[in-house]
Amino acid sequence: MPKVITIHEYILKPEADEKQFERAILEARDSGLLKLPGLTAYHFVKGLRGARKGSYTAIWIYESREAWEKVWGKPDNPPSKQDYPENWKIWEDQVLAPFLSQDPDTITFTAYEELS
C-alpha cells in the first residue's frame, strides 16, 4: 500500500533563536506530542544546499492514504483547525507558533502519495 509523505516548510522569524527552535522540536518529539494515528515516521531536517539552504522542513510519513485521510480528510475537504487532533493543535500553537514567521496553519506544505 502506498505511503503518504507530507513536506512542511518552516520559515523562522528573523529574531527566532535556531537552537531554541531545535530544542523545542526535540522536546515535543520526546514528550510524545507528535504521535498521530497512522503516522509511521517523521524527520526534521535543515537544508544544507539549494533553494532552502539553512531552512527547516518536517517530513511526515503515513502508512497509507487511508490512514492520512482519517486524520487530515480528503485532499479536497480538509478538516478545520478546530477539528485537528488535540496534540496537533498544541504542536502548532505552542511549539511552532512562537518561532515561525507566519501562522503554522498557513505554512507551505505538499502531501505526496508514494508511487506503487
PDB file of N, CA and C in Angstrom:
ATOM      1  N   MET A   1       0.845  -1.181   0.000  1.00  0.00           N
ATOM      2  CA  MET A   1       0.000   0.000   0.000  1.00  0.00           C
ATOM      3  C   MET A   1       0.892   1.247   0.000  1.00  0.00           C
ATOM      4  N   PRO A   2       0.660   2.180  -0.917  1.00  0.00           N
ATOM      5  CA  PRO A   2       1.497   3.383  -0.996  1.00  0.00           C
ATOM      6  C   PRO A   2       1.386   4.248   0.267  1.00  0.00           C
ATOM      7  N   LYS A   3       2.495   4.792   0.656  1.00  0.00           N
ATOM      8  CA  LYS A   3       2.550   5.699   1.800  1.00  0.00           C
ATOM      9  C   LYS A   3       2.184   7.111   1.346  1.00  0.00           C
ATOM     10  N   VAL A   4       1.800   7.942   2.305  1.00  0.00           N
ATOM     11  CA  VAL A   4       1.641   9.368   2.054  1.00  0.00           C
ATOM     12  C   VAL A   4       2.750  10.077   2.817  1.00  0.00           C
ATOM     13  N   ILE A   5       3.434  10.961   2.121  1.00  0.00           N
ATOM     14  CA  ILE A   5       4.548  11.710   2.701  1.00  0.00           C
ATOM     15  C   ILE A   5       4.230  13.186   2.555  1.00  0.00           C
ATOM     16  N   THR A   6       4.223  13.888   3.674  1.00  0.00           N
ATOM     17  CA  THR A   6       3.959  15.319   3.604  1.00  0.00           C
ATOM     18  C   THR A   6       5.228  16.075   3.984  1.00  0.00           C
ATOM     19  N   ILE A   7       5.440  17.161   3.274  1.00  0.00           N
ATOM     20  CA  ILE A   7       6.608  18.012   3.477  1.00  0.00           C
ATOM     21  C   ILE A   7       6.096  19.366   3.960  1.00  0.00           C
ATOM     22  N   HIS A   8       6.512  19.759   5.160  1.00  0.00           N
ATOM     23  CA  HIS A   8       6.120  21.042   5.736  1.00  0.00           C
ATOM     24  C   HIS A   8       7.347  21.945   5.790  1.00  0.00           C
ATOM     25  N   GLU A   9       7.256  23.099   5.174  1.00  0.00           N
ATOM     26  CA  GLU A   9       8.369  24.039   5.121  1.00  0.00           C
ATOM     27  C   GLU A   9       8.185  25.111   6.181  1.00  0.00           C
ATOM     28  N   TYR A  10       9.173  25.239   7.036  1.00  0.00           N
ATOM     29  CA  TYR A  10       9.114  26.215   8.121  1.00  0.00           C
ATOM     30  C   TYR A  10      10.038  27.392   7.809  1.00  0.00           C
ATOM     31  N   ILE A  11       9.538  28.586   8.033  1.00  0.00           N
ATOM     32  CA  ILE A  11      10.337  29.802   7.908  1.00  0.00           C
ATOM     33  C   ILE A  11      10.305  30.480   9.268  1.00  0.00           C
ATOM     34  N   LEU A  12      11.464  30.602   9.873  1.00  0.00           N
ATOM     35  CA  LEU A  12      11.553  31.201  11.197  1.00  0.00           C
ATOM     36  C   LEU A  12      11.491  32.722  11.130  1.00  0.00           C
ATOM     37  N   LYS A  13      10.985  33.321  12.199  1.00  0.00           N
ATOM     38  CA  LYS A  13      11.032  34.772  12.344  1.00  0.00           C
ATOM     39  C   LYS A  13      12.506  35.175  12.359  1.00  0.00           C
ATOM     40  N   PRO A  14      12.820  36.368  11.868  1.00  0.00           N
ATOM     41  CA  PRO A  14      14.228  36.795  11.870  1.00  0.00           C
ATOM     42  C   PRO A  14      14.867  36.765  13.261  1.00  0.00           C
ATOM     43  N   GLU A  15      14.089  37.054  14.289  1.00  0.00           N
ATOM     44  CA  GLU A  15      14.638  37.111  15.647  1.00  0.00           C
ATOM     45  C   GLU A  15      14.609  35.762  16.369  1.00  0.00           C
ATOM     46  N   ALA A  16      14.087  34.729  15.726  1.00  0.00           N
ATOM     47  CA  ALA A  16      13.981  33.413  16.370  1.00  0.00           C
ATOM     48  C   ALA A  16      15.371  32.807  16.595  1.00  0.00           C
ATOM     49  N   ASP A  17      15.523  32.186  17.726  1.00  0.00           N
ATOM     50  CA  ASP A  17      16.770  31.504  18.068  1.00  0.00           C
ATOM     51  C   ASP A  17      16.694  30.070  17.537  1.00  0.00           C
ATOM     52  N   GLU A  18      17.550  29.737  16.582  1.00  0.00           N
ATOM     53  CA  GLU A  18      17.507  28.415  15.944  1.00  0.00           C
ATOM     54  C   GLU A  18      17.734  27.291  16.945  1.00  0.00           C
ATOM     55  N   LYS A  19      18.635  27.472  17.868  1.00  0.00           N
ATOM     56  CA  LYS A  19      18.916  26.413  18.858  1.00  0.00           C
ATOM     57  C   LYS A  19      17.694  26.181  19.743  1.00  0.00           C
ATOM     58  N   GLN A  20      17.002  27.239  20.125  1.00  0.00           N
ATOM     59  CA  GLN A  20      15.776  27.075  20.916  1.00  0.00           C
ATOM     60  C   GLN A  20      14.702  26.373  20.104  1.00  0.00           C
ATOM     61  N   PHE A  21      14.595  26.702  18.820  1.00  0.00           N
ATOM     62  CA  PHE A  21      13.631  26.043  17.938  1.00  0.00           C
ATOM     63  C   PHE A  21      13.932  24.550  17.855  1.00  0.00           C
ATOM     64  N   GLU A  22      15.171  24.216  17.609  1.00  0.00           N
ATOM     65  CA  GLU A  22      15.558  22.811  17.518  1.00  0.00           C
ATOM     66  C   GLU A  22      15.282  22.085  18.836  1.00  0.00           C
ATOM     67  N   ARG A  23      15.564  22.732  19.939  1.00  0.00           N
ATOM     68  CA  ARG A  23      15.312  22.135  21.250  1.00  0.00           C
ATOM     69  C   ARG A  23      13.804  21.915  21.459  1.00  0.00           C
ATOM     70  N   ALA A  24      12.991  22.887  21.075  1.00  0.00           N
ATOM     71  CA  ALA A  24      11.532  22.769  21.217  1.00  0.00           C
ATOM     72  C   ALA A  24      10.998  21.589  20.407  1.00  0.00           C
ATOM     73  N   ILE A  25      11.520  21.406  19.201  1.00  0.00           N
ATOM     74  CA  ILE A  25      11.101  20.279  18.361  1.00  0.00           C
ATOM     75  C   ILE A  25      11.466  18.951  19.024  1.00  0.00           C
ATOM     76  N   LEU A  26      12.684  18.852  19.508  1.00  0.00           N
ATOM     77  CA  LEU A  26      13.135  17.605  20.133  1.00  0.00           C
ATOM     78  C   LEU A  26      12.353  17.313  21.416  1.00  0.00           C
ATOM     79  N   GLU A  27      12.041  18.349  22.177  1.00  0.00           N
ATOM     80  CA  GLU A  27      11.237  18.153  23.393  1.00  0.00           C
ATOM     81  C   GLU A  27       9.833  17.684  23.040  1.00  0.00           C
ATOM     82  N   ALA A  28       9.245  18.244  21.995  1.00  0.00           N
ATOM     83  CA  ALA A  28       7.913  17.810  21.553  1.00  0.00           C
ATOM     84  C   ALA A  28       7.950  16.351  21.132  1.00  0.00           C
ATOM     85  N   ARG A  29       8.961  15.987  20.387  1.00  0.00           N
ATOM     86  CA  ARG A  29       9.125  14.598  19.957  1.00  0.00           C
ATOM     87  C   ARG A  29       9.273  13.674  21.158  1.00  0.00           C
ATOM     88  N   ASP A  30      10.160  14.033  22.073  1.00  0.00           N
ATOM     89  CA  ASP A  30      10.437  13.179  23.223  1.00  0.00           C
ATOM     90  C   ASP A  30       9.246  13.052  24.171  1.00  0.00           C
ATOM     91  N   SER A  31       8.370  14.041  24.170  1.00  0.00           N
ATOM     92  CA  SER A  31       7.194  14.007  25.049  1.00  0.00           C
ATOM     93  C   SER A  31       6.043  13.191  24.461  1.00  0.00           C
ATOM     94  N   GLY A  32       6.178  12.765  23.207  1.00  0.00           N
ATOM     95  CA  GLY A  32       5.115  12.010  22.553  1.00  0.00           C
ATOM     96  C   GLY A  32       4.068  12.886  21.889  1.00  0.00           C
ATOM     97  N   LEU A  33       4.296  14.182  21.856  1.00  0.00           N
ATOM     98  CA  LEU A  33       3.322  15.121  21.300  1.00  0.00           C
ATOM     99  C   LEU A  33       3.034  14.869  19.826  1.00  0.00           C
ATOM    100  N   LEU A  34       3.968  14.258  19.124  1.00  0.00           N
ATOM    101  CA  LEU A  34       3.827  14.111  17.679  1.00  0.00           C
ATOM    102  C   LEU A  34       3.221  12.786  17.244  1.00  0.00           C
ATOM    103  N   LYS A  35       2.694  12.032  18.160  1.00  0.00           N
ATOM    104  CA  LYS A  35       2.075  10.754  17.809  1.00  0.00           C
ATOM    105  C   LYS A  35       0.698  11.007  17.205  1.00  0.00           C
ATOM    106  N   LEU A  36       0.506  10.481  16.012  1.00  0.00           N
ATOM    107  CA  LEU A  36      -0.771  10.587  15.312  1.00  0.00           C
ATOM    108  C   LEU A  36      -1.121   9.211  14.750  1.00  0.00           C
ATOM    109  N   PRO A  37      -2.407   8.893  14.665  1.00  0.00           N
ATOM    110  CA  PRO A  37      -2.796   7.611  14.079  1.00  0.00           C
ATOM    111  C   PRO A  37      -2.270   7.480  12.647  1.00  0.00           C
ATOM    112  N   GLY A  38      -1.640   6.362  12.350  1.00  0.00           N
ATOM    113  CA  GLY A  38      -1.159   6.101  11.002  1.00  0.00           C
ATOM    114  C   GLY A  38       0.173   6.741  10.658  1.00  0.00           C
ATOM    115  N   LEU A  39       0.689   7.601  11.524  1.00  0.00           N
ATOM    116  CA  LEU A  39       1.984   8.227  11.282  1.00  0.00           C
ATOM    117  C   LEU A  39       3.071   7.232  11.674  1.00  0.00           C
ATOM    118  N   THR A  40       3.855   6.790  10.701  1.00  0.00           N
ATOM    119  CA  THR A  40       4.852   5.762  10.976  1.00  0.00           C
ATOM    120  C   THR A  40       6.244   6.327  11.212  1.00  0.00           C
ATOM    121  N   ALA A  41       6.509   7.521  10.703  1.00  0.00           N
ATOM    122  CA  ALA A  41       7.824   8.136  10.888  1.00  0.00           C
ATOM    123  C   ALA A  41       7.733   9.620  10.590  1.00  0.00           C
ATOM    124  N   TYR A  42       8.692  10.345  11.110  1.00  0.00           N
ATOM    125  CA  TYR A  42       8.827  11.761  10.774  1.00  0.00           C
ATOM    126  C   TYR A  42      10.286  12.144  10.944  1.00  0.00           C
ATOM    127  N   HIS A  43      10.662  13.182  10.220  1.00  0.00           N
ATOM    128  CA  HIS A  43      12.042  13.657  10.244  1.00  0.00           C
ATOM    129  C   HIS A  43      12.017  15.180  10.223  1.00  0.00           C
ATOM    130  N   PHE A  44      12.880  15.776  11.010  1.00  0.00           N
ATOM    131  CA  PHE A  44      13.086  17.214  10.974  1.00  0.00           C
ATOM    132  C   PHE A  44      14.467  17.440  10.375  1.00  0.00           C
ATOM    133  N   VAL A  45      14.527  18.273   9.348  1.00  0.00           N
ATOM    134  CA  VAL A  45      15.773  18.466   8.625  1.00  0.00           C
ATOM    135  C   VAL A  45      16.032  19.959   8.411  1.00  0.00           C
ATOM    136  N   LYS A  46      17.305  20.255   8.196  1.00  0.00           N
ATOM    137  CA  LYS A  46      17.722  21.627   7.909  1.00  0.00           C
ATOM    138  C   LYS A  46      18.503  21.597   6.609  1.00  0.00           C
ATOM    139  N   GLY A  47      18.155  22.480   5.681  1.00  0.00           N
ATOM    140  CA  GLY A  47      18.767  22.496   4.364  1.00  0.00           C
ATOM    141  C   GLY A  47      20.263  22.739   4.389  1.00  0.00           C
ATOM    142  N   LEU A  48      20.984  21.937   3.632  1.00  0.00           N
ATOM    143  CA  LEU A  48      22.436  22.080   3.514  1.00  0.00           C
ATOM    144  C   LEU A  48      22.845  22.856   2.265  1.00  0.00           C
ATOM    145  N   ARG A  49      22.053  22.705   1.198  1.00  0.00           N
ATOM    146  CA  ARG A  49      22.385  23.340  -0.066  1.00  0.00           C
ATOM    147  C   ARG A  49      21.100  23.486  -0.865  1.00  0.00           C
ATOM    148  N   GLY A  50      21.074  24.430  -1.755  1.00  0.00           N
ATOM    149  CA  GLY A  50      19.923  24.601  -2.635  1.00  0.00           C
ATOM    150  C   GLY A  50      19.016  25.740  -2.191  1.00  0.00           C
ATOM    151  N   ALA A  51      17.818  25.747  -2.741  1.00  0.00           N
ATOM    152  CA  ALA A  51      16.874  26.848  -2.523  1.00  0.00           C
ATOM    153  C   ALA A  51      16.503  27.041  -1.061  1.00  0.00           C
ATOM    154  N   ARG A  52      16.527  25.976  -0.254  1.00  0.00           N
ATOM    155  CA  ARG A  52      16.130  26.100   1.158  1.00  0.00           C
ATOM    156  C   ARG A  52      17.312  25.886   2.104  1.00  0.00           C
ATOM    157  N   LYS A  53      18.498  26.236   1.646  1.00  0.00           N
ATOM    158  CA  LYS A  53      19.689  26.125   2.487  1.00  0.00           C
ATOM    159  C   LYS A  53      19.463  26.903   3.783  1.00  0.00           C
ATOM    160  N   GLY A  54      19.701  26.233   4.915  1.00  0.00           N
ATOM    161  CA  GLY A  54      19.548  26.867   6.222  1.00  0.00           C
ATOM    162  C   GLY A  54      18.124  26.890   6.742  1.00  0.00           C
ATOM    163  N   SER A  55      17.181  26.429   5.936  1.00  0.00           N
ATOM    164  CA  SER A  55      15.764  26.434   6.340  1.00  0.00           C
ATOM    165  C   SER A  55      15.369  25.067   6.891  1.00  0.00           C
ATOM    166  N   TYR A  56      14.324  25.084   7.691  1.00  0.00           N
ATOM    167  CA  TYR A  56      13.842  23.859   8.331  1.00  0.00           C
ATOM    168  C   TYR A  56      12.649  23.274   7.589  1.00  0.00           C
ATOM    169  N   THR A  57      12.580  21.964   7.617  1.00  0.00           N
ATOM    170  CA  THR A  57      11.488  21.229   6.984  1.00  0.00           C
ATOM    171  C   THR A  57      11.160  20.020   7.845  1.00  0.00           C
ATOM    172  N   ALA A  58       9.884  19.674   7.869  1.00  0.00           N
ATOM    173  CA  ALA A  58       9.454  18.434   8.520  1.00  0.00           C
ATOM    174  C   ALA A  58       8.927  17.502   7.442  1.00  0.00           C
ATOM    175  N   ILE A  59       9.277  16.236   7.574  1.00  0.00           N
ATOM    176  CA  ILE A  59       8.819  15.194   6.653  1.00  0.00           C
ATOM    177  C   ILE A  59       8.005  14.211   7.485  1.00  0.00           C
ATOM    178  N   TRP A  60       6.735  14.052   7.140  1.00  0.00           N
ATOM    179  CA  TRP A  60       5.809  13.197   7.886  1.00  0.00           C
ATOM    180  C   TRP A  60       5.426  12.030   6.991  1.00  0.00           C
ATOM    181  N   ILE A  61       5.531  10.817   7.485  1.00  0.00           N
ATOM    182  CA  ILE A  61       5.263   9.630   6.671  1.00  0.00           C
ATOM    183  C   ILE A  61       4.118   8.834   7.294  1.00  0.00           C
ATOM    184  N   TYR A  62       3.050   8.676   6.522  1.00  0.00           N
ATOM    185  CA  TYR A  62       1.859   7.941   6.963  1.00  0.00           C
ATOM    186  C   TYR A  62       1.824   6.586   6.275  1.00  0.00           C
ATOM    187  N   GLU A  63       1.295   5.602   6.955  1.00  0.00           N
ATOM    188  CA  GLU A  63       1.310   4.227   6.441  1.00  0.00           C
ATOM    189  C   GLU A  63       0.521   4.054   5.157  1.00  0.00           C
ATOM    190  N   SER A  64      -0.477   4.916   4.930  1.00  0.00           N
ATOM    191  CA  SER A  64      -1.305   4.795   3.725  1.00  0.00           C
ATOM    192  C   SER A  64      -2.126   6.067   3.538  1.00  0.00           C
ATOM    193  N   ARG A  65      -2.704   6.178   2.373  1.00  0.00           N
ATOM    194  CA  ARG A  65      -3.598   7.310   2.127  1.00  0.00           C
ATOM    195  C   ARG A  65      -4.818   7.225   3.040  1.00  0.00           C
ATOM    196  N   GLU A  66      -5.323   6.041   3.239  1.00  0.00           N
ATOM    197  CA  GLU A  66      -6.470   5.862   4.123  1.00  0.00           C
ATOM    198  C   GLU A  66      -6.151   6.369   5.534  1.00  0.00           C
ATOM    199  N   ALA A  67      -4.985   6.015   6.045  1.00  0.00           N
ATOM    200  CA  ALA A  67      -4.589   6.463   7.389  1.00  0.00           C
ATOM    201  C   ALA A  67      -4.442   7.982   7.434  1.00  0.00           C
ATOM    202  N   TRP A  68      -3.825   8.553   6.396  1.00  0.00           N
ATOM    203  CA  TRP A  68      -3.646  10.003   6.332  1.00  0.00           C
ATOM    204  C   TRP A  68      -5.000  10.712   6.271  1.00  0.00           C
ATOM    205  N   GLU A  69      -5.914  10.197   5.453  1.00  0.00           N
ATOM    206  CA  GLU A  69      -7.230  10.822   5.316  1.00  0.00           C
ATOM    207  C   GLU A  69      -8.050  10.730   6.595  1.00  0.00           C
ATOM    208  N   LYS A  70      -7.829   9.701   7.410  1.00  0.00           N
ATOM    209  CA  LYS A  70      -8.550   9.611   8.684  1.00  0.00           C
ATOM    210  C   LYS A  70      -8.190  10.773   9.603  1.00  0.00           C
ATOM    211  N   VAL A  71      -6.968  11.243   9.478  1.00  0.00           N
ATOM    212  CA  VAL A  71      -6.524  12.371  10.309  1.00  0.00           C
ATOM    213  C   VAL A  71      -6.787  13.705   9.614  1.00  0.00           C
ATOM    214  N   TRP A  72      -6.468  13.809   8.321  1.00  0.00           N
ATOM    215  CA  TRP A  72      -6.447  15.093   7.625  1.00  0.00           C
ATOM    216  C   TRP A  72      -7.532  15.264   6.573  1.00  0.00           C
ATOM    217  N   GLY A  73      -8.415  14.286   6.418  1.00  0.00           N
ATOM    218  CA  GLY A  73      -9.510  14.401   5.471  1.00  0.00           C
ATOM    219  C   GLY A  73      -9.074  14.179   4.033  1.00  0.00           C
ATOM    220  N   LYS A  74     -10.041  14.184   3.164  1.00  0.00           N
ATOM    221  CA  LYS A  74      -9.781  14.034   1.724  1.00  0.00           C
ATOM    222  C   LYS A  74      -9.042  15.279   1.229  1.00  0.00           C
ATOM    223  N   PRO A  75      -8.256  15.136   0.167  1.00  0.00           N
ATOM    224  CA  PRO A  75      -7.497  16.287  -0.334  1.00  0.00           C
ATOM    225  C   PRO A  75      -8.355  17.524  -0.617  1.00  0.00           C
ATOM    226  N   ASP A  76      -9.576  17.324  -1.070  1.00  0.00           N
ATOM    227  CA  ASP A  76     -10.446  18.460  -1.385  1.00  0.00           C
ATOM    228  C   ASP A  76     -11.376  18.840  -0.236  1.00  0.00           C
ATOM    229  N   ASN A  77     -11.199  18.207   0.926  1.00  0.00           N
ATOM    230  CA  ASN A  77     -12.078  18.506   2.061  1.00  0.00           C
ATOM    231  C   ASN A  77     -11.322  18.325   3.387  1.00  0.00           C
ATOM    232  N   PRO A  78     -10.279  19.157   3.614  1.00  0.00           N
ATOM    233  CA  PRO A  78      -9.523  19.017   4.863  1.00  0.00           C
ATOM    234  C   PRO A  78     -10.341  19.494   6.060  1.00  0.00           C
ATOM    235  N   PRO A  79      -9.996  19.018   7.248  1.00  0.00           N
ATOM    236  CA  PRO A  79     -10.723  19.459   8.437  1.00  0.00           C
ATOM    237  C   PRO A  79     -10.367  20.905   8.775  1.00  0.00           C
ATOM    238  N   SER A  80     -11.247  21.567   9.505  1.00  0.00           N
ATOM    239  CA  SER A  80     -10.914  22.901  10.008  1.00  0.00           C
ATOM    240  C   SER A  80      -9.974  22.724  11.193  1.00  0.00           C
ATOM    241  N   LYS A  81      -9.278  23.773  11.539  1.00  0.00           N
ATOM    242  CA  LYS A  81      -8.307  23.695  12.619  1.00  0.00           C
ATOM    243  C   LYS A  81      -8.943  23.215  13.925  1.00  0.00           C
ATOM    244  N   GLN A  82     -10.175  23.597  14.160  1.00  0.00           N
ATOM    245  CA  GLN A  82     -10.843  23.172  15.403  1.00  0.00           C
ATOM    246  C   GLN A  82     -11.032  21.664  15.458  1.00  0.00           C
ATOM    247  N   ASP A  83     -10.976  20.993  14.310  1.00  0.00           N
ATOM    248  CA  ASP A  83     -11.146  19.538  14.263  1.00  0.00           C
ATOM    249  C   ASP A  83      -9.823  18.775  14.207  1.00  0.00           C
ATOM    250  N   TYR A  84      -8.707  19.477  14.278  1.00  0.00           N
ATOM    251  CA  TYR A  84      -7.402  18.806  14.307  1.00  0.00           C
ATOM    252  C   TYR A  84      -7.287  17.983  15.591  1.00  0.00           C
ATOM    253  N   PRO A  85      -6.442  16.971  15.580  1.00  0.00           N
ATOM    254  CA  PRO A  85      -6.160  16.258  16.830  1.00  0.00           C
ATOM    255  C   PRO A  85      -5.629  17.249  17.881  1.00  0.00           C
ATOM    256  N   GLU A  86      -6.003  17.042  19.124  1.00  0.00           N
ATOM    257  CA  GLU A  86      -5.618  17.971  20.190  1.00  0.00           C
ATOM    258  C   GLU A  86      -4.106  18.161  20.264  1.00  0.00           C
ATOM    259  N   ASN A  87      -3.345  17.083  20.144  1.00  0.00           N
ATOM    260  CA  ASN A  87      -1.893  17.225  20.229  1.00  0.00           C
ATOM    261  C   ASN A  87      -1.333  18.032  19.060  1.00  0.00           C
ATOM    262  N   TRP A  88      -1.994  17.985  17.901  1.00  0.00           N
ATOM    263  CA  TRP A  88      -1.527  18.771  16.760  1.00  0.00           C
ATOM    264  C   TRP A  88      -1.786  20.261  16.996  1.00  0.00           C
ATOM    265  N   LYS A  89      -2.881  20.579  17.632  1.00  0.00           N
ATOM    266  CA  LYS A  89      -3.154  21.982  17.971  1.00  0.00           C
ATOM    267  C   LYS A  89      -2.068  22.507  18.908  1.00  0.00           C
ATOM    268  N   ILE A  90      -1.667  21.700  19.888  1.00  0.00           N
ATOM    269  CA  ILE A  90      -0.590  22.100  20.802  1.00  0.00           C
ATOM    270  C   ILE A  90       0.708  22.267  20.019  1.00  0.00           C
ATOM    271  N   TRP A  91       1.011  21.317  19.139  1.00  0.00           N
ATOM    272  CA  TRP A  91       2.210  21.382  18.303  1.00  0.00           C
ATOM    273  C   TRP A  91       2.265  22.706  17.538  1.00  0.00           C
ATOM    274  N   GLU A  92       1.162  23.043  16.881  1.00  0.00           N
ATOM    275  CA  GLU A  92       1.143  24.271  16.092  1.00  0.00           C
ATOM    276  C   GLU A  92       1.169  25.530  16.956  1.00  0.00           C
ATOM    277  N   ASP A  93       0.303  25.571  17.958  1.00  0.00           N
ATOM    278  CA  ASP A  93       0.105  26.805  18.723  1.00  0.00           C
ATOM    279  C   ASP A  93       1.173  27.076  19.775  1.00  0.00           C
ATOM    280  N   GLN A  94       1.690  26.031  20.396  1.00  0.00           N
ATOM    281  CA  GLN A  94       2.625  26.237  21.491  1.00  0.00           C
ATOM    282  C   GLN A  94       4.086  25.960  21.117  1.00  0.00           C
ATOM    283  N   VAL A  95       4.302  25.050  20.181  1.00  0.00           N
ATOM    284  CA  VAL A  95       5.687  24.728  19.808  1.00  0.00           C
ATOM    285  C   VAL A  95       6.119  25.544  18.594  1.00  0.00           C
ATOM    286  N   LEU A  96       5.358  25.489  17.504  1.00  0.00           N
ATOM    287  CA  LEU A  96       5.773  26.166  16.277  1.00  0.00           C
ATOM    288  C   LEU A  96       5.522  27.673  16.278  1.00  0.00           C
ATOM    289  N   ALA A  97       4.338  28.089  16.678  1.00  0.00           N
ATOM    290  CA  ALA A  97       3.932  29.496  16.535  1.00  0.00           C
ATOM    291  C   ALA A  97       4.928  30.507  17.102  1.00  0.00           C
ATOM    292  N   PRO A  98       5.518  30.266  18.256  1.00  0.00           N
ATOM    293  CA  PRO A  98       6.457  31.273  18.771  1.00  0.00           C
ATOM    294  C   PRO A  98       7.682  31.501  17.880  1.00  0.00           C
ATOM    295  N   PHE A  99       7.989  30.561  17.006  1.00  0.00           N
ATOM    296  CA  PHE A  99       9.200  30.649  16.185  1.00  0.00           C
ATOM    297  C   PHE A  99       8.956  31.005  14.728  1.00  0.00           C
ATOM    298  N   LEU A 100       7.779  30.688  14.201  1.00  0.00           N
ATOM    299  CA  LEU A 100       7.545  30.843  12.763  1.00  0.00           C
ATOM    300  C   LEU A 100       7.141  32.259  12.379  1.00  0.00           C
ATOM    301  N   SER A 101       7.445  32.617  11.147  1.00  0.00           N
ATOM    302  CA  SER A 101       7.131  33.952  10.638  1.00  0.00           C
ATOM    303  C   SER A 101       5.666  34.081  10.225  1.00  0.00           C
ATOM    304  N   GLN A 102       4.928  32.983  10.254  1.00  0.00           N
ATOM    305  CA  GLN A 102       3.515  33.013   9.892  1.00  0.00           C
ATOM    306  C   GLN A 102       2.767  32.004  10.759  1.00  0.00           C
ATOM    307  N   ASP A 103       1.462  32.070  10.710  1.00  0.00           N
ATOM    308  CA  ASP A 103       0.635  31.108  11.435  1.00  0.00           C
ATOM    309  C   ASP A 103       1.005  29.710  10.962  1.00  0.00           C
ATOM    310  N   PRO A 104       1.266  28.781  11.885  1.00  0.00           N
ATOM    311  CA  PRO A 104       1.647  27.427  11.477  1.00  0.00           C
ATOM    312  C   PRO A 104       0.632  26.749  10.562  1.00  0.00           C
ATOM    313  N   ASP A 105      -0.619  27.152  10.652  1.00  0.00           N
ATOM    314  CA  ASP A 105      -1.649  26.540   9.818  1.00  0.00           C
ATOM    315  C   ASP A 105      -1.611  27.045   8.378  1.00  0.00           C
ATOM    316  N   THR A 106      -0.742  28.018   8.096  1.00  0.00           N
ATOM    317  CA  THR A 106      -0.666  28.571   6.738  1.00  0.00           C
ATOM    318  C   THR A 106       0.706  28.348   6.098  1.00  0.00           C
ATOM    319  N   ILE A 107       1.517  27.460   6.670  1.00  0.00           N
ATOM    320  CA  ILE A 107       2.834  27.199   6.093  1.00  0.00           C
ATOM    321  C   ILE A 107       2.694  26.551   4.715  1.00  0.00           C
ATOM    322  N   THR A 108       3.746  26.618   3.943  1.00  0.00           N
ATOM    323  CA  THR A 108       3.790  25.916   2.665  1.00  0.00           C
ATOM    324  C   THR A 108       4.010  24.438   2.944  1.00  0.00           C
ATOM    325  N   PHE A 109       3.162  23.609   2.359  1.00  0.00           N
ATOM    326  CA  PHE A 109       3.331  22.166   2.510  1.00  0.00           C
ATOM    327  C   PHE A 109       2.820  21.481   1.257  1.00  0.00           C
ATOM    328  N   THR A 110       3.259  20.240   1.081  1.00  0.00           N
ATOM    329  CA  THR A 110       2.762  19.412  -0.004  1.00  0.00           C
ATOM    330  C   THR A 110       2.613  17.996   0.535  1.00  0.00           C
ATOM    331  N   ALA A 111       1.499  17.364   0.221  1.00  0.00           N
ATOM    332  CA  ALA A 111       1.282  15.957   0.546  1.00  0.00           C
ATOM    333  C   ALA A 111       1.506  15.154  -0.731  1.00  0.00           C
ATOM    334  N   TYR A 112       2.338  14.135  -0.622  1.00  0.00           N
ATOM    335  CA  TYR A 112       2.679  13.276  -1.762  1.00  0.00           C
ATOM    336  C   TYR A 112       2.196  11.865  -1.498  1.00  0.00           C
ATOM    337  N   GLU A 113       1.754  11.200  -2.550  1.00  0.00           N
ATOM    338  CA  GLU A 113       1.437   9.774  -2.440  1.00  0.00           C
ATOM    339  C   GLU A 113       2.530   8.997  -3.153  1.00  0.00           C
ATOM    340  N   GLU A 114       3.079   8.035  -2.461  1.00  0.00           N
ATOM    341  CA  GLU A 114       4.158   7.200  -2.989  1.00  0.00           C
ATOM    342  C   GLU A 114       3.672   6.464  -4.239  1.00  0.00           C
ATOM    343  N   LEU A 115       4.531   6.376  -5.228  1.00  0.00           N
ATOM    344  CA  LEU A 115       4.205   5.607  -6.430  1.00  0.00           C
ATOM    345  C   LEU A 115       4.334   4.131  -6.106  1.00  0.00           C
ATOM    346  N   SER A 116       3.399   3.353  -6.590  1.00  0.00           N
ATOM    347  CA  SER A 116       3.472   1.912  -6.289  1.00  0.00           C
ATOM    348  C   SER A 116       3.680   1.104  -7.572  1.00  0.00           C
TER     349      SER A 116
END
